[in-house]
Amino acid sequence: MLLSFIIINFVLITIIFKYRQFICKNLNLISFASKDTFHKNKSYLLGGLIIYQGYILNYFYLSTYGEITYVNVILTSLFFLIALIDDITDISPYLKIFFCFFVCYFIILNDNTLSIKTINSLLFGILYFPENIFIIVFFPILCVVIFVNAFNFIDGINGLAASVGLSILFYIIFKNPFLLNDLLIILLSLIIFIYLNIKKSCFLGDSGNYVISITISIILIKENYLFPQSYYAEEIFVMMMVPGLDFIRLFFKRITDNKNPMYGDLNHLHHLMFYKFGQTRTLIYYLIFVNLPIYSYLLLKLNLIFIIFISLIIYIYLIKKLSVKIQKV
């Protein structure tokens, strides 16, 4: 049964990629070179279609065992649709955030497992919020929207965002091996896309970023609801720390520079690293920086607070060092 779905997944990806020009031309999913990107030629925003079809196939596979709820699919599909429309028509980022808030609010009201009633903290133990509507409903919405947008910030170097998403999913599976079966087809779709993204003119687009990030968000929120001691809050912070720090830094930097904080530029950490190290080494170094802290905790049992402190110092050092280097060029 699983093999059949894997074969179907591979065939569909092959068809999508083979007819990429026809699909992207008719859906207006072609990205052209601009001052805010590193690519020189037109590129096809196929990532969302490739990963989303893998997600849907994954759903049909799991539904044969009754292991997935419709709410998960609805939430992921709506996020995919919002981002796909943005890829096609370039809608306002504020409108995207509004739709994401609205969708999350509606879904959480219909699925308690996507609410947050407990937070497991290394410093404070398990905190309970049985009646706090802000924590139960609005805090998970805030977490999802911030993570989705922060994750979108790291999409600027071929293979980077998809590889970061893949590494986070690997970490989750490493902690909970039973999830491998639940995510296998999505993982295969991601791996194939990363290859196409690095070797060909094939980009994630917002739709690809949203499918990856909302999938991770759903897993972590549901794991927290069903198994409150599965993750420390500090652990999740470390897992997503680098994209989050970049998001916060650039948000306030753009405000102080009198720029719209929601529109892109080339001042992200991966951009600064690209200027210094080039495509391949940037991909390797960034992935090491994202993964080393969290795997140091998982495998070496280093203190999470110590890891956060050291990682923050390294991040600040890299930004200052690389920014000075760029200014001298």
C-alpha atoms as a PDB file:
ATOM      1  CA  MET A   1       0.000   0.000   0.000  1.00  0.00           C
ATOM      2  CA  LEU A   2       2.691   2.503   1.017  1.00  0.00           C
ATOM      3  CA  LEU A   3       4.815   1.626  -2.009  1.00  0.00           C
ATOM      4  CA  SER A   4       1.872   2.368  -4.291  1.00  0.00           C
ATOM      5  CA  PHE A   5       1.485   5.863  -2.826  1.00  0.00           C
ATOM      6  CA  ILE A   6       5.231   6.489  -3.100  1.00  0.00           C
ATOM      7  CA  ILE A   7       5.158   5.520  -6.791  1.00  0.00           C
ATOM      8  CA  ILE A   8       2.122   7.749  -7.406  1.00  0.00           C
ATOM      9  CA  ASN A   9       3.924  10.593  -5.630  1.00  0.00           C
ATOM     10  CA  PHE A  10       6.994  10.208  -7.836  1.00  0.00           C
ATOM     11  CA  VAL A  11       4.869  10.036 -10.999  1.00  0.00           C
ATOM     12  CA  LEU A  12       2.898  13.174 -10.091  1.00  0.00           C
ATOM     13  CA  ILE A  13       6.076  15.117  -9.303  1.00  0.00           C
ATOM     14  CA  THR A  14       7.539  14.005 -12.629  1.00  0.00           C
ATOM     15  CA  ILE A  15       4.413  15.185 -14.478  1.00  0.00           C
ATOM     16  CA  ILE A  16       4.366  18.532 -12.637  1.00  0.00           C
ATOM     17  CA  PHE A  17       8.023  19.150 -13.389  1.00  0.00           C
ATOM     18  CA  LYS A  18       7.820  17.987 -17.002  1.00  0.00           C
ATOM     19  CA  TYR A  19       4.938  20.355 -17.723  1.00  0.00           C
ATOM     20  CA  ARG A  20       6.242  23.114 -15.444  1.00  0.00           C
ATOM     21  CA  GLN A  21       6.297  25.735 -18.187  1.00  0.00           C
ATOM     22  CA  PHE A  22       2.670  25.094 -19.172  1.00  0.00           C
ATOM     23  CA  ILE A  23       1.454  24.943 -15.546  1.00  0.00           C
ATOM     24  CA  CYS A  24       3.318  28.003 -14.333  1.00  0.00           C
ATOM     25  CA  LYS A  25       2.504  30.080 -17.397  1.00  0.00           C
ATOM     26  CA  ASN A  26      -1.220  29.433 -17.069  1.00  0.00           C
ATOM     27  CA  LEU A  27      -1.241  29.939 -13.289  1.00  0.00           C
ATOM     28  CA  ASN A  28       1.125  32.919 -13.415  1.00  0.00           C
ATOM     29  CA  LEU A  29       3.628  31.089 -11.201  1.00  0.00           C
ATOM     30  CA  ILE A  30       6.765  32.398 -12.884  1.00  0.00           C
ATOM     31  CA  SER A  31       9.243  34.464 -10.868  1.00  0.00           C
ATOM     32  CA  PHE A  32      11.504  36.860 -12.753  1.00  0.00           C
ATOM     33  CA  ALA A  33      14.845  38.232 -11.637  1.00  0.00           C
ATOM     34  CA  SER A  34      14.688  41.367  -9.501  1.00  0.00           C
ATOM     35  CA  LYS A  35      16.902  43.374  -7.167  1.00  0.00           C
ATOM     36  CA  ASP A  36      15.494  41.441  -4.186  1.00  0.00           C
ATOM     37  CA  THR A  37      16.551  38.021  -5.470  1.00  0.00           C
ATOM     38  CA  PHE A  38      19.731  36.222  -6.439  1.00  0.00           C
ATOM     39  CA  HIS A  39      18.383  34.314  -9.434  1.00  0.00           C
ATOM     40  CA  LYS A  40      19.236  35.681 -12.850  1.00  0.00           C
ATOM     41  CA  ASN A  41      16.544  34.084 -15.006  1.00  0.00           C
ATOM     42  CA  LYS A  42      12.860  33.293 -14.725  1.00  0.00           C
ATOM     43  CA  SER A  43      12.056  30.532 -12.260  1.00  0.00           C
ATOM     44  CA  TYR A  44       9.026  28.350 -11.752  1.00  0.00           C
ATOM     45  CA  LEU A  45       7.241  28.489  -8.382  1.00  0.00           C
ATOM     46  CA  LEU A  46       6.491  24.761  -8.297  1.00  0.00           C
ATOM     47  CA  GLY A  47       7.395  24.082  -4.669  1.00  0.00           C
ATOM     48  CA  GLY A  48       3.902  24.520  -3.309  1.00  0.00           C
ATOM     49  CA  LEU A  49       2.334  22.223  -5.902  1.00  0.00           C
ATOM     50  CA  ILE A  50       4.981  19.522  -5.435  1.00  0.00           C
ATOM     51  CA  ILE A  51       4.878  19.510  -1.630  1.00  0.00           C
ATOM     52  CA  TYR A  52       1.113  19.985  -1.325  1.00  0.00           C
ATOM     53  CA  GLN A  53       0.330  17.049  -3.614  1.00  0.00           C
ATOM     54  CA  GLY A  54       2.687  15.002  -1.425  1.00  0.00           C
ATOM     55  CA  TYR A  55       0.757  16.186   1.624  1.00  0.00           C
ATOM     56  CA  ILE A  56      -2.577  15.196   0.066  1.00  0.00           C
ATOM     57  CA  LEU A  57      -1.245  11.775  -0.952  1.00  0.00           C
ATOM     58  CA  ASN A  58       0.072  11.395   2.582  1.00  0.00           C
ATOM     59  CA  TYR A  59      -3.414  12.190   3.861  1.00  0.00           C
ATOM     60  CA  PHE A  60      -5.079   9.571   1.649  1.00  0.00           C
ATOM     61  CA  TYR A  61      -2.496   7.005   2.748  1.00  0.00           C
ATOM     62  CA  LEU A  62      -3.053   7.748   6.445  1.00  0.00           C
ATOM     63  CA  SER A  63      -6.826   7.940   6.039  1.00  0.00           C
ATOM     64  CA  THR A  64      -6.831   4.247   5.112  1.00  0.00           C
ATOM     65  CA  TYR A  65      -5.710   3.672   8.702  1.00  0.00           C
ATOM     66  CA  GLY A  66      -7.866   6.418  10.233  1.00  0.00           C
ATOM     67  CA  GLU A  67      -4.799   8.279  11.525  1.00  0.00           C
ATOM     68  CA  ILE A  68      -5.542  11.850  10.395  1.00  0.00           C
ATOM     69  CA  THR A  69      -8.324  14.343  10.961  1.00  0.00           C
ATOM     70  CA  TYR A  70     -10.060  16.465   8.354  1.00  0.00           C
ATOM     71  CA  VAL A  71      -9.261  19.604  10.333  1.00  0.00           C
ATOM     72  CA  ASN A  72      -5.523  19.169   9.704  1.00  0.00           C
ATOM     73  CA  VAL A  73      -6.135  18.932   5.970  1.00  0.00           C
ATOM     74  CA  ILE A  74      -8.489  21.915   5.953  1.00  0.00           C
ATOM     75  CA  LEU A  75      -6.009  24.110   7.829  1.00  0.00           C
ATOM     76  CA  THR A  76      -3.056  23.119   5.630  1.00  0.00           C
ATOM     77  CA  SER A  77      -5.121  23.470   2.449  1.00  0.00           C
ATOM     78  CA  LEU A  78      -6.369  26.936   3.381  1.00  0.00           C
ATOM     79  CA  PHE A  79      -2.835  28.103   4.181  1.00  0.00           C
ATOM     80  CA  PHE A  80      -1.651  26.639   0.887  1.00  0.00           C
ATOM     81  CA  LEU A  81      -4.466  28.413  -0.965  1.00  0.00           C
ATOM     82  CA  ILE A  82      -3.718  31.777   0.693  1.00  0.00           C
ATOM     83  CA  ALA A  83      -0.042  31.504  -0.228  1.00  0.00           C
ATOM     84  CA  LEU A  84      -0.778  30.228  -3.745  1.00  0.00           C
ATOM     85  CA  ILE A  85      -2.979  33.245  -4.395  1.00  0.00           C
ATOM     86  CA  ASP A  86      -0.117  35.409  -3.170  1.00  0.00           C
ATOM     87  CA  ASP A  87       2.288  33.655  -5.556  1.00  0.00           C
ATOM     88  CA  ILE A  88      -0.138  34.328  -8.390  1.00  0.00           C
ATOM     89  CA  THR A  89      -1.324  37.867  -7.624  1.00  0.00           C
ATOM     90  CA  ASP A  90       1.145  39.189  -5.002  1.00  0.00           C
ATOM     91  CA  ILE A  91      -1.421  40.179  -2.369  1.00  0.00           C
ATOM     92  CA  SER A  92      -0.650  42.508   0.534  1.00  0.00           C
ATOM     93  CA  PRO A  93       1.338  40.848   3.360  1.00  0.00           C
ATOM     94  CA  TYR A  94      -1.067  42.395   5.864  1.00  0.00           C
ATOM     95  CA  LEU A  95      -3.988  40.771   4.073  1.00  0.00           C
ATOM     96  CA  LYS A  96      -2.176  37.429   4.191  1.00  0.00           C
ATOM     97  CA  ILE A  97      -1.628  37.779   7.932  1.00  0.00           C
ATOM     98  CA  PHE A  98      -5.299  38.686   8.424  1.00  0.00           C
ATOM     99  CA  PHE A  99      -6.449  35.600   6.503  1.00  0.00           C
ATOM    100  CA  CYS A 100      -4.022  33.393   8.425  1.00  0.00           C
ATOM    101  CA  PHE A 101      -5.322  34.725  11.747  1.00  0.00           C
ATOM    102  CA  PHE A 102      -8.913  34.203  10.667  1.00  0.00           C
ATOM    103  CA  VAL A 103      -8.309  30.661   9.399  1.00  0.00           C
ATOM    104  CA  CYS A 104      -6.414  29.659  12.545  1.00  0.00           C
ATOM    105  CA  TYR A 105      -9.118  31.102  14.786  1.00  0.00           C
ATOM    106  CA  PHE A 106     -11.875  29.248  12.956  1.00  0.00           C
ATOM    107  CA  ILE A 107      -9.962  25.947  12.972  1.00  0.00           C
ATOM    108  CA  ILE A 108      -8.928  26.090  16.639  1.00  0.00           C
ATOM    109  CA  LEU A 109     -12.534  26.698  17.656  1.00  0.00           C
ATOM    110  CA  ASN A 110     -13.395  23.422  15.910  1.00  0.00           C
ATOM    111  CA  ASP A 111     -10.435  21.343  17.080  1.00  0.00           C
ATOM    112  CA  ASN A 112      -9.300  21.437  20.710  1.00  0.00           C
ATOM    113  CA  THR A 113      -6.088  19.575  19.883  1.00  0.00           C
ATOM    114  CA  LEU A 114      -4.835  22.717  18.154  1.00  0.00           C
ATOM    115  CA  SER A 115      -5.266  24.799  21.297  1.00  0.00           C
ATOM    116  CA  ILE A 116      -2.639  25.268  24.005  1.00  0.00           C
ATOM    117  CA  LYS A 117      -3.689  24.505  27.580  1.00  0.00           C
ATOM    118  CA  THR A 118      -0.271  23.639  29.005  1.00  0.00           C
ATOM    119  CA  ILE A 119       3.267  24.886  28.459  1.00  0.00           C
ATOM    120  CA  ASN A 120       6.154  22.687  29.572  1.00  0.00           C
ATOM    121  CA  SER A 121       9.004  24.988  30.593  1.00  0.00           C
ATOM    122  CA  LEU A 122      12.468  23.903  31.663  1.00  0.00           C
ATOM    123  CA  LEU A 123      12.651  26.845  34.065  1.00  0.00           C
ATOM    124  CA  PHE A 124       9.095  26.903  35.442  1.00  0.00           C
ATOM    125  CA  GLY A 125       7.823  23.347  34.986  1.00  0.00           C
ATOM    126  CA  ILE A 126       4.436  22.604  33.442  1.00  0.00           C
ATOM    127  CA  LEU A 127       2.196  25.663  33.404  1.00  0.00           C
ATOM    128  CA  TYR A 128      -1.578  25.094  33.185  1.00  0.00           C
ATOM    129  CA  PHE A 129      -4.035  27.486  31.534  1.00  0.00           C
ATOM    130  CA  PRO A 130      -7.439  25.765  31.739  1.00  0.00           C
ATOM    131  CA  GLU A 131      -9.530  28.954  31.446  1.00  0.00           C
ATOM    132  CA  ASN A 132      -7.215  31.531  29.885  1.00  0.00           C
ATOM    133  CA  ILE A 133      -8.736  32.230  26.475  1.00  0.00           C
ATOM    134  CA  PHE A 134      -5.673  34.168  25.325  1.00  0.00           C
ATOM    135  CA  ILE A 135      -3.309  31.243  25.955  1.00  0.00           C
ATOM    136  CA  ILE A 136      -5.755  28.567  24.795  1.00  0.00           C
ATOM    137  CA  VAL A 137      -6.835  30.200  21.517  1.00  0.00           C
ATOM    138  CA  PHE A 138      -4.874  33.328  20.639  1.00  0.00           C
ATOM    139  CA  PHE A 139      -1.405  32.196  21.731  1.00  0.00           C
ATOM    140  CA  PRO A 140      -1.312  29.243  19.285  1.00  0.00           C
ATOM    141  CA  ILE A 141      -2.603  31.546  16.527  1.00  0.00           C
ATOM    142  CA  LEU A 142       0.189  33.998  17.311  1.00  0.00           C
ATOM    143  CA  CYS A 143       2.774  31.196  17.349  1.00  0.00           C
ATOM    144  CA  VAL A 144       1.609  29.839  13.988  1.00  0.00           C
ATOM    145  CA  VAL A 145       1.466  33.212  12.232  1.00  0.00           C
ATOM    146  CA  ILE A 146       4.867  34.305  13.556  1.00  0.00           C
ATOM    147  CA  PHE A 147       6.524  31.000  12.652  1.00  0.00           C
ATOM    148  CA  VAL A 148       4.977  30.884   9.169  1.00  0.00           C
ATOM    149  CA  ASN A 149       6.207  34.402   8.432  1.00  0.00           C
ATOM    150  CA  ALA A 150       9.612  33.820  10.045  1.00  0.00           C
ATOM    151  CA  PHE A 151      10.030  30.641   8.021  1.00  0.00           C
ATOM    152  CA  ASN A 152       9.142  32.563   4.879  1.00  0.00           C
ATOM    153  CA  PHE A 153      12.048  34.904   5.668  1.00  0.00           C
ATOM    154  CA  ILE A 154      14.658  32.176   5.092  1.00  0.00           C
ATOM    155  CA  ASP A 155      13.538  31.488   1.527  1.00  0.00           C
ATOM    156  CA  GLY A 156      16.184  33.296  -0.476  1.00  0.00           C
ATOM    157  CA  ILE A 157      18.892  30.763  -1.273  1.00  0.00           C
ATOM    158  CA  ASN A 158      18.182  27.686  -3.379  1.00  0.00           C
ATOM    159  CA  GLY A 159      17.496  24.688  -1.167  1.00  0.00           C
ATOM    160  CA  LEU A 160      17.681  26.602   2.117  1.00  0.00           C
ATOM    161  CA  ALA A 161      14.080  26.909   3.356  1.00  0.00           C
ATOM    162  CA  ALA A 162      13.119  23.393   2.271  1.00  0.00           C
ATOM    163  CA  SER A 163      16.282  21.973   3.876  1.00  0.00           C
ATOM    164  CA  VAL A 164      15.603  23.795   7.147  1.00  0.00           C
ATOM    165  CA  GLY A 165      12.029  22.488   7.126  1.00  0.00           C
ATOM    166  CA  LEU A 166      13.301  18.981   6.407  1.00  0.00           C
ATOM    167  CA  SER A 167      15.823  19.190   9.247  1.00  0.00           C
ATOM    168  CA  ILE A 168      13.120  20.292  11.715  1.00  0.00           C
ATOM    169  CA  LEU A 169      10.893  17.398  10.625  1.00  0.00           C
ATOM    170  CA  PHE A 170      13.852  15.016  11.048  1.00  0.00           C
ATOM    171  CA  TYR A 171      14.331  16.303  14.590  1.00  0.00           C
ATOM    172  CA  ILE A 172      10.656  15.758  15.390  1.00  0.00           C
ATOM    173  CA  ILE A 173      10.847  12.223  13.967  1.00  0.00           C
ATOM    174  CA  PHE A 174      14.085  11.550  15.865  1.00  0.00           C
ATOM    175  CA  LYS A 175      12.224  12.332  19.084  1.00  0.00           C
ATOM    176  CA  ASN A 176       9.049  10.525  17.994  1.00  0.00           C
ATOM    177  CA  PRO A 177      10.002   7.716  15.557  1.00  0.00           C
ATOM    178  CA  PHE A 178       6.367   6.641  15.094  1.00  0.00           C
ATOM    179  CA  LEU A 179       5.836   9.875  13.111  1.00  0.00           C
ATOM    180  CA  LEU A 180       8.080   8.620  10.298  1.00  0.00           C
ATOM    181  CA  ASN A 181       5.257   6.569   8.827  1.00  0.00           C
ATOM    182  CA  ASP A 182       2.907   9.548   9.159  1.00  0.00           C
ATOM    183  CA  LEU A 183       5.251  11.878   7.296  1.00  0.00           C
ATOM    184  CA  LEU A 184       7.110   9.629   4.856  1.00  0.00           C
ATOM    185  CA  ILE A 185       5.469  10.798   1.615  1.00  0.00           C
ATOM    186  CA  ILE A 186       5.812  14.461   2.606  1.00  0.00           C
ATOM    187  CA  LEU A 187       9.484  13.876   3.402  1.00  0.00           C
ATOM    188  CA  LEU A 188      10.067  12.241   0.011  1.00  0.00           C
ATOM    189  CA  SER A 189       8.349  15.149  -1.746  1.00  0.00           C
ATOM    190  CA  LEU A 190      10.564  17.592   0.146  1.00  0.00           C
ATOM    191  CA  ILE A 191      13.752  15.710  -0.689  1.00  0.00           C
ATOM    192  CA  ILE A 192      12.861  15.549  -4.386  1.00  0.00           C
ATOM    193  CA  PHE A 193      11.992  19.236  -4.405  1.00  0.00           C
ATOM    194  CA  ILE A 194      15.294  20.175  -2.727  1.00  0.00           C
ATOM    195  CA  TYR A 195      17.140  18.370  -5.511  1.00  0.00           C
ATOM    196  CA  LEU A 196      15.077  20.176  -8.173  1.00  0.00           C
ATOM    197  CA  ASN A 197      15.472  23.489  -6.364  1.00  0.00           C
ATOM    198  CA  ILE A 198      19.260  23.233  -6.231  1.00  0.00           C
ATOM    199  CA  LYS A 199      19.777  21.780  -9.713  1.00  0.00           C
ATOM    200  CA  LYS A 200      16.975  23.423 -11.715  1.00  0.00           C
ATOM    201  CA  SER A 201      15.000  26.674 -11.960  1.00  0.00           C
ATOM    202  CA  CYS A 202      12.340  25.591  -9.511  1.00  0.00           C
ATOM    203  CA  PHE A 203      11.430  27.667  -6.452  1.00  0.00           C
ATOM    204  CA  LEU A 204       9.376  27.062  -3.313  1.00  0.00           C
ATOM    205  CA  GLY A 205       7.199  30.138  -3.508  1.00  0.00           C
ATOM    206  CA  ASP A 206       5.118  31.244  -0.544  1.00  0.00           C
ATOM    207  CA  SER A 207       2.830  28.255  -1.109  1.00  0.00           C
ATOM    208  CA  GLY A 208       5.693  25.814  -0.543  1.00  0.00           C
ATOM    209  CA  ASN A 209       6.910  27.699   2.504  1.00  0.00           C
ATOM    210  CA  TYR A 210       3.427  27.779   4.002  1.00  0.00           C
ATOM    211  CA  VAL A 211       2.806  24.052   3.533  1.00  0.00           C
ATOM    212  CA  ILE A 212       6.104  23.187   5.243  1.00  0.00           C
ATOM    213  CA  SER A 213       5.721  25.633   8.118  1.00  0.00           C
ATOM    214  CA  ILE A 214       2.047  24.909   8.848  1.00  0.00           C
ATOM    215  CA  THR A 215       2.778  21.166   8.814  1.00  0.00           C
ATOM    216  CA  ILE A 216       5.495  21.663  11.440  1.00  0.00           C
ATOM    217  CA  SER A 217       3.230  23.965  13.469  1.00  0.00           C
ATOM    218  CA  ILE A 218       0.343  21.485  13.518  1.00  0.00           C
ATOM    219  CA  ILE A 219       2.601  18.620  14.620  1.00  0.00           C
ATOM    220  CA  LEU A 220       4.164  20.570  17.486  1.00  0.00           C
ATOM    221  CA  ILE A 221       0.886  22.034  18.770  1.00  0.00           C
ATOM    222  CA  LYS A 222      -0.866  18.664  18.642  1.00  0.00           C
ATOM    223  CA  GLU A 223       2.081  16.922  20.321  1.00  0.00           C
ATOM    224  CA  ASN A 224       1.988  19.553  23.055  1.00  0.00           C
ATOM    225  CA  TYR A 225      -1.755  19.003  23.540  1.00  0.00           C
ATOM    226  CA  LEU A 226      -1.658  15.195  23.548  1.00  0.00           C
ATOM    227  CA  PHE A 227       1.710  14.741  25.276  1.00  0.00           C
ATOM    228  CA  PRO A 228       2.397  17.911  27.328  1.00  0.00           C
ATOM    229  CA  GLN A 229       5.839  16.735  28.421  1.00  0.00           C
ATOM    230  CA  SER A 230       7.082  15.931  24.889  1.00  0.00           C
ATOM    231  CA  TYR A 231       8.809  19.264  24.353  1.00  0.00           C
ATOM    232  CA  TYR A 232      10.074  22.082  26.514  1.00  0.00           C
ATOM    233  CA  ALA A 233       9.051  25.559  25.385  1.00  0.00           C
ATOM    234  CA  GLU A 234      12.752  26.440  25.347  1.00  0.00           C
ATOM    235  CA  GLU A 235      13.406  23.408  23.122  1.00  0.00           C
ATOM    236  CA  ILE A 236      10.886  24.579  20.535  1.00  0.00           C
ATOM    237  CA  PHE A 237      12.405  28.042  20.730  1.00  0.00           C
ATOM    238  CA  VAL A 238      15.871  26.632  19.983  1.00  0.00           C
ATOM    239  CA  MET A 239      14.467  24.539  17.130  1.00  0.00           C
ATOM    240  CA  MET A 240      13.139  27.670  15.399  1.00  0.00           C
ATOM    241  CA  MET A 241      15.480  30.234  16.888  1.00  0.00           C
ATOM    242  CA  VAL A 242      17.542  31.336  13.872  1.00  0.00           C
ATOM    243  CA  PRO A 243      14.573  32.127  11.562  1.00  0.00           C
ATOM    244  CA  GLY A 244      12.818  33.756  14.512  1.00  0.00           C
ATOM    245  CA  LEU A 245      15.774  35.971  15.435  1.00  0.00           C
ATOM    246  CA  ASP A 246      16.174  37.046  11.835  1.00  0.00           C
ATOM    247  CA  PHE A 247      12.469  37.840  11.618  1.00  0.00           C
ATOM    248  CA  ILE A 248      12.551  39.991  14.786  1.00  0.00           C
ATOM    249  CA  ARG A 249      15.809  41.763  13.835  1.00  0.00           C
ATOM    250  CA  LEU A 250      14.670  42.665  10.336  1.00  0.00           C
ATOM    251  CA  PHE A 251      11.166  43.634  11.448  1.00  0.00           C
ATOM    252  CA  PHE A 252      12.500  46.337  13.774  1.00  0.00           C
ATOM    253  CA  LYS A 253      15.417  47.297  11.521  1.00  0.00           C
ATOM    254  CA  ARG A 254      13.062  48.048   8.667  1.00  0.00           C
ATOM    255  CA  ILE A 255      10.881  50.148  10.954  1.00  0.00           C
ATOM    256  CA  THR A 256      13.879  52.178  12.151  1.00  0.00           C
ATOM    257  CA  ASP A 257      14.946  52.605   8.509  1.00  0.00           C
ATOM    258  CA  ASN A 258      11.441  53.905   7.659  1.00  0.00           C
ATOM    259  CA  LYS A 259      10.713  50.876   5.493  1.00  0.00           C
ATOM    260  CA  ASN A 260       7.712  48.585   5.406  1.00  0.00           C
ATOM    261  CA  PRO A 261       8.613  45.746   7.827  1.00  0.00           C
ATOM    262  CA  MET A 262       6.658  43.179   5.810  1.00  0.00           C
ATOM    263  CA  TYR A 263       8.445  43.632   2.492  1.00  0.00           C
ATOM    264  CA  GLY A 264      11.628  41.744   1.674  1.00  0.00           C
ATOM    265  CA  ASP A 265      15.212  42.885   1.279  1.00  0.00           C
ATOM    266  CA  LEU A 266      18.660  41.325   1.072  1.00  0.00           C
ATOM    267  CA  ASN A 267      19.704  41.803   4.708  1.00  0.00           C
ATOM    268  CA  HIS A 268      18.733  38.365   6.019  1.00  0.00           C
ATOM    269  CA  LEU A 269      21.425  36.265   7.649  1.00  0.00           C
ATOM    270  CA  HIS A 270      21.499  33.868   4.696  1.00  0.00           C
ATOM    271  CA  HIS A 271      21.939  36.807   2.292  1.00  0.00           C
ATOM    272  CA  LEU A 272      24.865  38.156   4.316  1.00  0.00           C
ATOM    273  CA  MET A 273      26.378  34.676   4.397  1.00  0.00           C
ATOM    274  CA  PHE A 274      25.839  34.311   0.647  1.00  0.00           C
ATOM    275  CA  TYR A 275      27.841  37.476  -0.076  1.00  0.00           C
ATOM    276  CA  LYS A 276      30.705  36.075   1.986  1.00  0.00           C
ATOM    277  CA  PHE A 277      30.622  32.324   1.305  1.00  0.00           C
ATOM    278  CA  GLY A 278      28.606  31.734  -1.866  1.00  0.00           C
ATOM    279  CA  GLN A 279      25.719  29.335  -2.512  1.00  0.00           C
ATOM    280  CA  THR A 280      27.042  25.949  -1.385  1.00  0.00           C
ATOM    281  CA  ARG A 281      28.907  26.980   1.759  1.00  0.00           C
ATOM    282  CA  THR A 282      26.055  29.249   2.847  1.00  0.00           C
ATOM    283  CA  LEU A 283      23.641  26.322   2.623  1.00  0.00           C
ATOM    284  CA  ILE A 284      25.973  24.111   4.660  1.00  0.00           C
ATOM    285  CA  TYR A 285      26.885  26.719   7.305  1.00  0.00           C
ATOM    286  CA  TYR A 286      23.309  27.900   7.776  1.00  0.00           C
ATOM    287  CA  LEU A 287      22.032  24.353   8.244  1.00  0.00           C
ATOM    288  CA  ILE A 288      24.790  23.685  10.776  1.00  0.00           C
ATOM    289  CA  PHE A 289      23.888  26.843  12.672  1.00  0.00           C
ATOM    290  CA  VAL A 290      20.194  25.883  12.722  1.00  0.00           C
ATOM    291  CA  ASN A 291      20.721  22.244  13.695  1.00  0.00           C
ATOM    292  CA  LEU A 292      23.783  22.172  15.934  1.00  0.00           C
ATOM    293  CA  PRO A 293      22.095  23.883  18.928  1.00  0.00           C
ATOM    294  CA  ILE A 294      19.034  21.640  19.012  1.00  0.00           C
ATOM    295  CA  TYR A 295      20.949  18.421  18.374  1.00  0.00           C
ATOM    296  CA  SER A 296      23.457  19.446  21.062  1.00  0.00           C
ATOM    297  CA  TYR A 297      20.531  19.355  23.448  1.00  0.00           C
ATOM    298  CA  LEU A 298      19.073  16.114  22.102  1.00  0.00           C
ATOM    299  CA  LEU A 299      22.287  14.089  21.798  1.00  0.00           C
ATOM    300  CA  LEU A 300      24.680  15.723  24.271  1.00  0.00           C
ATOM    301  CA  LYS A 301      22.053  16.817  26.810  1.00  0.00           C
ATOM    302  CA  LEU A 302      23.501  20.323  27.036  1.00  0.00           C
ATOM    303  CA  ASN A 303      21.490  22.833  29.046  1.00  0.00           C
ATOM    304  CA  LEU A 304      18.892  24.579  26.851  1.00  0.00           C
ATOM    305  CA  ILE A 305      19.386  27.970  28.502  1.00  0.00           C
ATOM    306  CA  PHE A 306      23.133  27.727  27.896  1.00  0.00           C
ATOM    307  CA  ILE A 307      22.479  26.746  24.261  1.00  0.00           C
ATOM    308  CA  ILE A 308      20.148  29.713  23.751  1.00  0.00           C
ATOM    309  CA  PHE A 309      22.686  32.111  25.281  1.00  0.00           C
ATOM    310  CA  ILE A 310      25.600  30.847  23.163  1.00  0.00           C
ATOM    311  CA  SER A 311      23.504  30.733  19.975  1.00  0.00           C
ATOM    312  CA  LEU A 312      22.312  34.301  20.538  1.00  0.00           C
ATOM    313  CA  ILE A 313      25.896  35.512  20.946  1.00  0.00           C
ATOM    314  CA  ILE A 314      26.957  33.687  17.761  1.00  0.00           C
ATOM    315  CA  TYR A 315      23.999  35.147  15.854  1.00  0.00           C
ATOM    316  CA  ILE A 316      24.798  38.709  16.947  1.00  0.00           C
ATOM    317  CA  TYR A 317      28.485  38.185  16.117  1.00  0.00           C
ATOM    318  CA  LEU A 318      27.686  36.833  12.639  1.00  0.00           C
ATOM    319  CA  ILE A 319      25.328  39.698  11.833  1.00  0.00           C
ATOM    320  CA  LYS A 320      27.849  42.339  12.935  1.00  0.00           C
ATOM    321  CA  LYS A 321      30.816  40.642  11.283  1.00  0.00           C
ATOM    322  CA  LEU A 322      29.087  39.932   7.974  1.00  0.00           C
ATOM    323  CA  SER A 323      27.367  43.339   7.836  1.00  0.00           C
ATOM    324  CA  VAL A 324      30.721  45.108   8.271  1.00  0.00           C
ATOM    325  CA  LYS A 325      32.210  42.880   5.590  1.00  0.00           C
ATOM    326  CA  ILE A 326      29.423  43.816   3.137  1.00  0.00           C
ATOM    327  CA  GLN A 327      29.766  47.532   3.857  1.00  0.00           C
ATOM    328  CA  LYS A 328      33.466  47.367   2.990  1.00  0.00           C
ATOM    329  CA  VAL A 329      32.808  45.686  -0.350  1.00  0.00           C
END
